[in-house]
N, C-alpha and C. Protein backbone atom coordinates (compact mmCIF):
# COMPACT_ATOMS: atom_id res chain seq x y z
N PHE A 1 -35.38 65.48 111.76
CA PHE A 1 -34.00 65.58 112.67
C PHE A 1 -33.12 66.60 112.78
N GLU A 2 -32.57 67.04 111.38
CA GLU A 2 -31.69 67.99 111.66
C GLU A 2 -32.27 69.26 112.02
N LEU A 3 -33.62 69.89 111.60
CA LEU A 3 -34.37 70.57 111.44
C LEU A 3 -34.65 71.00 112.79
N GLU A 4 -34.87 69.66 113.65
CA GLU A 4 -34.93 70.28 114.96
C GLU A 4 -33.60 70.35 115.77
N THR A 5 -32.43 69.80 115.63
CA THR A 5 -31.15 69.89 115.87
C THR A 5 -31.15 71.60 115.84
N GLN A 6 -31.35 72.09 114.22
CA GLN A 6 -30.88 73.62 114.15
C GLN A 6 -31.74 74.46 115.20
N PHE A 7 -33.31 74.18 115.31
CA PHE A 7 -33.98 74.81 116.07
C PHE A 7 -33.48 74.91 117.68
N ARG A 8 -32.90 73.77 117.85
CA ARG A 8 -32.41 73.52 119.23
C ARG A 8 -31.37 74.72 119.52
N ARG A 9 -30.09 74.61 118.48
CA ARG A 9 -29.07 75.37 118.38
C ARG A 9 -29.42 77.00 118.43
N ASN A 10 -30.23 77.15 117.61
CA ASN A 10 -31.05 78.62 117.75
C ASN A 10 -31.75 79.41 118.71
N THR A 11 -32.49 78.27 119.32
CA THR A 11 -32.95 78.80 120.65
C THR A 11 -31.93 78.79 121.73
N LYS A 12 -30.93 78.38 121.86
CA LYS A 12 -29.96 78.17 122.85
C LYS A 12 -29.21 79.29 122.34
N SER A 13 -28.77 79.84 121.17
CA SER A 13 -28.01 80.92 120.83
C SER A 13 -28.84 82.27 121.29
N ILE A 14 -30.12 82.02 120.96
CA ILE A 14 -30.97 83.30 121.26
C ILE A 14 -30.90 83.47 122.92
N GLN A 15 -31.45 82.31 123.77
CA GLN A 15 -31.13 82.49 125.01
C GLN A 15 -30.05 83.34 125.71
N LEU A 16 -28.80 82.69 125.21
CA LEU A 16 -27.42 83.07 125.54
C LEU A 16 -27.53 84.83 125.10
N ALA A 17 -27.75 85.18 124.05
CA ALA A 17 -27.82 86.90 123.69
C ALA A 17 -28.70 87.49 124.70
N VAL A 18 -30.26 86.70 125.16
CA VAL A 18 -31.03 87.64 125.79
C VAL A 18 -30.47 87.54 127.35
N ASP A 19 -29.56 86.79 127.83
CA ASP A 19 -28.93 86.49 128.88
C ASP A 19 -27.73 87.87 129.23
N ARG A 20 -26.92 87.89 128.07
CA ARG A 20 -25.84 88.95 127.77
C ARG A 20 -26.92 90.27 127.62
N VAL A 21 -27.47 90.65 127.05
CA VAL A 21 -28.53 91.74 127.07
C VAL A 21 -28.78 92.09 128.41
N SER A 22 -29.22 91.18 128.80
CA SER A 22 -30.23 91.49 130.19
C SER A 22 -28.86 91.94 131.41
N LYS A 23 -27.89 91.05 131.23
CA LYS A 23 -26.61 91.70 131.92
C LYS A 23 -26.13 93.00 131.86
N ILE A 24 -25.81 93.32 130.47
CA ILE A 24 -25.67 94.48 130.26
C ILE A 24 -26.45 95.73 130.53
N MET A 25 -27.75 95.49 130.34
CA MET A 25 -28.89 96.42 130.82
C MET A 25 -29.03 96.52 132.35
N TYR A 26 -28.90 95.65 133.30
CA TYR A 26 -28.64 95.68 134.51
C TYR A 26 -27.39 96.39 134.82
N ALA A 27 -26.15 96.03 134.54
CA ALA A 27 -24.96 97.24 134.63
C ALA A 27 -25.29 98.43 134.25
N LEU A 28 -25.65 98.71 133.01
CA LEU A 28 -26.28 100.08 132.72
C LEU A 28 -27.11 100.88 133.64
N LYS A 29 -28.18 100.17 134.12
CA LYS A 29 -29.16 100.67 134.73
C LYS A 29 -28.54 101.13 136.17
N ASN A 30 -27.72 100.27 136.69
CA ASN A 30 -26.93 100.32 138.04
C ASN A 30 -25.85 101.67 137.84
N PHE A 31 -25.27 101.54 136.73
CA PHE A 31 -24.23 102.47 136.25
C PHE A 31 -24.72 103.86 136.26
N SER A 32 -26.01 103.94 135.62
CA SER A 32 -26.52 105.27 135.82
C SER A 32 -27.51 105.78 137.11
N HIS A 33 -27.72 104.89 137.70
CA HIS A 33 -28.45 104.75 138.94
C HIS A 33 -28.15 105.87 140.16
N PHE A 34 -26.45 105.55 140.24
CA PHE A 34 -25.89 106.48 141.32
C PHE A 34 -26.00 107.94 140.83
N ASP A 35 -26.07 108.50 141.87
CA ASP A 35 -25.88 109.89 141.68
C ASP A 35 -25.16 110.67 142.67
N SER A 36 -24.74 111.99 142.57
CA SER A 36 -23.63 112.67 143.15
C SER A 36 -24.52 113.62 144.38
N SER A 37 -25.05 112.70 145.37
CA SER A 37 -26.01 113.87 146.13
C SER A 37 -25.02 114.28 147.34
N GLY A 38 -23.81 113.96 147.44
CA GLY A 38 -22.97 114.66 148.03
C GLY A 38 -22.80 113.76 149.32
N GLU A 39 -23.57 112.59 149.47
CA GLU A 39 -23.33 111.89 150.85
C GLU A 39 -22.99 110.29 150.34
N LYS A 40 -21.98 109.73 151.32
CA LYS A 40 -21.40 108.34 150.82
C LYS A 40 -22.62 107.42 150.94
N VAL A 41 -22.48 106.23 150.51
CA VAL A 41 -23.18 105.42 150.43
C VAL A 41 -22.65 104.18 150.75
N GLU A 42 -23.25 103.13 151.11
CA GLU A 42 -22.57 101.74 151.15
C GLU A 42 -22.53 101.05 149.77
N ALA A 43 -21.61 100.73 149.17
CA ALA A 43 -21.16 99.84 148.18
C ALA A 43 -20.05 98.72 148.06
N SER A 44 -20.17 97.87 147.51
CA SER A 44 -19.26 96.59 147.26
C SER A 44 -18.17 97.05 146.11
N ILE A 45 -16.90 96.95 146.57
CA ILE A 45 -15.94 97.67 145.44
C ILE A 45 -15.97 96.25 144.05
N PRO A 46 -16.02 95.02 144.87
CA PRO A 46 -16.02 93.88 143.42
C PRO A 46 -17.45 94.17 142.85
N ASN A 47 -18.45 94.28 143.71
CA ASN A 47 -19.53 94.69 142.66
C ASN A 47 -19.82 95.47 141.73
N THR A 48 -18.85 96.97 141.93
CA THR A 48 -18.82 97.88 141.07
C THR A 48 -17.85 97.97 140.28
N ILE A 49 -16.81 96.98 140.40
CA ILE A 49 -16.05 96.38 139.17
C ILE A 49 -16.54 95.57 138.08
N ASP A 50 -17.23 94.88 138.85
CA ASP A 50 -18.19 93.76 137.90
C ASP A 50 -19.18 94.69 137.06
N MET A 51 -20.03 95.61 137.55
CA MET A 51 -20.67 96.24 136.59
C MET A 51 -19.88 96.83 135.27
N VAL A 52 -18.86 97.25 135.65
CA VAL A 52 -17.88 97.63 134.41
C VAL A 52 -17.59 96.63 133.60
N LEU A 53 -17.06 95.60 134.13
CA LEU A 53 -16.55 94.56 133.39
C LEU A 53 -17.81 94.07 132.17
N THR A 54 -19.06 94.12 132.89
CA THR A 54 -19.94 93.69 132.11
C THR A 54 -20.41 94.55 131.22
N ILE A 55 -20.01 95.81 131.04
CA ILE A 55 -20.24 96.46 130.09
C ILE A 55 -19.50 96.56 128.88
N TYR A 56 -18.12 96.02 129.36
CA TYR A 56 -17.14 95.89 128.30
C TYR A 56 -16.79 94.36 128.18
N GLN A 57 -17.96 93.53 128.48
CA GLN A 57 -17.78 92.34 128.12
C GLN A 57 -17.49 91.83 126.92
N ASN A 58 -17.87 92.54 125.62
CA ASN A 58 -17.52 92.03 124.37
C ASN A 58 -16.04 92.41 124.15
N GLN A 59 -15.48 93.24 124.47
CA GLN A 59 -14.11 93.74 124.11
C GLN A 59 -13.22 92.68 125.07
N LEU A 60 -13.76 92.13 126.29
CA LEU A 60 -13.08 91.12 127.25
C LEU A 60 -12.70 89.88 126.37
N LYS A 61 -14.00 89.16 125.56
CA LYS A 61 -14.25 88.07 124.90
C LYS A 61 -13.30 88.00 123.96
N LYS A 62 -12.59 88.84 123.29
CA LYS A 62 -12.12 88.73 121.96
C LYS A 62 -10.66 88.71 122.24
N GLY A 63 -9.99 88.25 122.90
CA GLY A 63 -8.76 88.16 123.32
C GLY A 63 -7.97 88.58 124.48
N ILE A 64 -8.99 88.75 125.40
CA ILE A 64 -8.82 89.13 127.08
C ILE A 64 -8.51 87.91 127.81
N ASP A 65 -7.82 87.42 128.56
CA ASP A 65 -8.26 86.14 129.48
C ASP A 65 -7.83 87.30 130.77
N LEU A 66 -9.20 87.01 131.26
CA LEU A 66 -9.83 88.05 132.41
C LEU A 66 -9.80 87.16 133.90
N VAL A 67 -8.94 87.53 134.59
CA VAL A 67 -8.72 86.66 135.85
C VAL A 67 -9.04 87.62 137.25
N LYS A 68 -10.03 87.26 137.91
CA LYS A 68 -10.63 88.21 138.98
C LYS A 68 -10.18 87.33 140.30
N GLU A 69 -9.49 88.34 141.18
CA GLU A 69 -8.87 87.97 142.43
C GLU A 69 -9.61 88.81 143.46
N TYR A 70 -10.62 88.49 143.77
CA TYR A 70 -11.38 89.41 144.96
C TYR A 70 -11.37 88.89 146.27
N GLN A 71 -10.96 89.58 147.31
CA GLN A 71 -11.27 89.02 148.55
C GLN A 71 -12.51 89.01 149.11
N ASP A 72 -12.93 88.92 149.95
CA ASP A 72 -14.36 88.68 150.67
C ASP A 72 -14.19 90.25 151.35
N ILE A 73 -14.69 90.92 150.70
CA ILE A 73 -14.46 92.46 151.41
C ILE A 73 -16.07 93.15 151.74
N PRO A 74 -16.52 93.40 152.92
CA PRO A 74 -17.55 93.89 153.09
C PRO A 74 -17.85 95.46 152.31
N PRO A 75 -18.83 95.66 152.19
CA PRO A 75 -19.39 96.83 151.61
C PRO A 75 -18.60 98.28 152.22
N ILE A 76 -18.27 99.27 151.60
CA ILE A 76 -17.59 100.47 152.07
C ILE A 76 -18.56 101.66 152.06
N PRO A 77 -18.37 102.70 152.64
CA PRO A 77 -19.23 104.16 152.60
C PRO A 77 -18.45 104.50 151.52
N CYS A 78 -18.91 105.00 150.35
CA CYS A 78 -18.20 105.94 149.25
C CYS A 78 -19.05 106.45 148.53
N TYR A 79 -18.69 107.03 147.21
CA TYR A 79 -19.49 107.28 145.89
C TYR A 79 -19.14 106.24 145.36
N PRO A 80 -20.09 105.86 145.01
CA PRO A 80 -20.37 104.69 143.99
C PRO A 80 -19.95 104.87 142.63
N ASP A 81 -20.82 106.29 142.34
CA ASP A 81 -20.49 106.83 140.82
C ASP A 81 -19.11 107.01 140.66
N ASP A 82 -18.54 107.83 141.44
CA ASP A 82 -17.27 108.00 141.01
C ASP A 82 -16.48 107.04 141.17
N LEU A 83 -16.55 105.59 141.84
CA LEU A 83 -15.80 104.45 141.71
C LEU A 83 -16.20 104.02 140.37
N LEU A 84 -17.42 103.84 139.77
CA LEU A 84 -17.51 103.32 138.42
C LEU A 84 -16.85 104.04 137.54
N HIS A 85 -16.70 105.23 137.83
CA HIS A 85 -15.92 106.08 136.64
C HIS A 85 -14.41 105.68 136.59
N VAL A 86 -14.13 105.76 137.88
CA VAL A 86 -12.29 105.23 138.33
C VAL A 86 -12.17 103.88 137.47
N TRP A 87 -13.14 102.81 137.97
CA TRP A 87 -12.98 101.54 137.10
C TRP A 87 -13.10 101.60 135.72
N THR A 88 -13.88 102.39 135.16
CA THR A 88 -14.12 102.34 133.87
C THR A 88 -12.79 102.64 133.37
N ASN A 89 -12.25 104.08 133.80
CA ASN A 89 -11.00 104.47 133.21
C ASN A 89 -10.14 103.53 133.19
N LEU A 90 -9.73 103.22 134.32
CA LEU A 90 -8.71 102.04 134.67
C LEU A 90 -8.62 100.72 133.77
N ILE A 91 -10.07 99.97 133.70
CA ILE A 91 -9.91 98.79 132.77
C ILE A 91 -9.98 99.22 131.44
N TYR A 92 -10.40 100.37 130.95
CA TYR A 92 -10.52 100.86 129.40
C TYR A 92 -8.95 101.00 128.81
N ASN A 93 -8.28 101.55 129.85
CA ASN A 93 -6.91 102.20 129.82
C ASN A 93 -5.83 100.87 129.78
N SER A 94 -6.35 99.96 130.69
CA SER A 94 -5.68 98.81 130.38
C SER A 94 -5.60 97.85 129.23
N LEU A 95 -7.11 97.85 128.73
CA LEU A 95 -7.50 97.17 127.81
C LEU A 95 -6.61 97.63 126.45
N GLN A 96 -6.63 99.33 126.24
CA GLN A 96 -5.93 99.73 125.21
C GLN A 96 -4.54 99.63 125.59
N ALA A 97 -3.78 99.53 126.55
CA ALA A 97 -2.28 99.40 126.75
C ALA A 97 -2.00 97.90 126.19
N MET A 98 -3.22 97.26 126.14
CA MET A 98 -2.64 95.92 126.01
C MET A 98 -3.08 95.28 124.54
N SER A 99 -3.58 96.46 123.81
CA SER A 99 -4.09 96.47 122.67
C SER A 99 -5.23 95.31 122.47
N PHE A 100 -5.84 95.16 123.44
CA PHE A 100 -7.21 94.20 123.61
C PHE A 100 -6.68 93.13 123.42
N LYS A 101 -5.54 92.56 124.13
CA LYS A 101 -5.18 91.09 123.75
C LYS A 101 -4.21 90.81 124.88
N GLY A 102 -4.35 89.86 125.62
CA GLY A 102 -3.46 89.28 126.68
C GLY A 102 -4.37 89.12 128.12
N LYS A 103 -3.55 88.74 128.93
CA LYS A 103 -4.04 88.96 130.53
C LYS A 103 -4.34 89.98 131.48
N LEU A 104 -5.40 90.00 131.69
CA LEU A 104 -5.81 91.24 132.72
C LEU A 104 -6.46 90.58 134.25
N THR A 105 -5.59 91.10 134.71
CA THR A 105 -5.90 90.46 136.36
C THR A 105 -6.22 91.59 137.13
N ILE A 106 -7.30 91.35 137.67
CA ILE A 106 -8.03 92.34 138.77
C ILE A 106 -7.82 91.53 140.13
N THR A 107 -7.13 92.45 140.98
CA THR A 107 -7.18 92.14 142.50
C THR A 107 -7.69 92.90 143.39
N VAL A 108 -8.65 92.42 144.15
CA VAL A 108 -9.25 93.31 145.44
C VAL A 108 -8.82 93.08 146.82
N GLN A 109 -7.95 93.37 147.41
CA GLN A 109 -7.56 92.81 148.57
C GLN A 109 -8.17 93.91 149.90
N ASN A 110 -8.26 93.14 150.89
CA ASN A 110 -8.11 94.10 152.18
C ASN A 110 -7.05 93.99 153.09
N LEU A 111 -6.20 95.07 153.29
CA LEU A 111 -5.34 95.24 154.17
C LEU A 111 -5.36 96.08 155.18
N ASP A 112 -5.70 95.74 156.23
CA ASP A 112 -5.89 96.52 157.30
C ASP A 112 -7.12 97.33 156.97
N GLU A 113 -6.79 98.56 157.31
CA GLU A 113 -7.79 99.65 156.81
C GLU A 113 -7.89 100.25 155.32
N LEU A 114 -7.12 99.61 154.80
CA LEU A 114 -7.14 99.90 153.27
C LEU A 114 -7.69 98.87 152.26
N VAL A 115 -8.36 98.88 151.32
CA VAL A 115 -8.64 98.39 150.02
C VAL A 115 -7.64 98.43 148.70
N MET A 116 -7.05 97.24 148.50
CA MET A 116 -6.08 97.82 147.37
C MET A 116 -6.84 96.43 146.18
């Protein structure tokens, strides 16, 4: 019985690790997929932020209380690769300023013609 319990626990741990790696690989693939062709493409602001958050998930789970407040915003024409770099810098700078401990709130709002 004890061996079966340990086996189930190990199986669950392995599945969680595989899921995490899968999410990180997906985010990295999308992060590196965008190119600077000079043309804007439709992209979701919350999705680009979530890609960066996935990459930083290890730092986030060690003392960061992450709060995401995303309004429903349709995709916008933009340069997604540039957005990813902006979010990366903003999120990492925020984490550093907090010494990787505390509450990080990310809010996306639609304010008429602006997205904040």
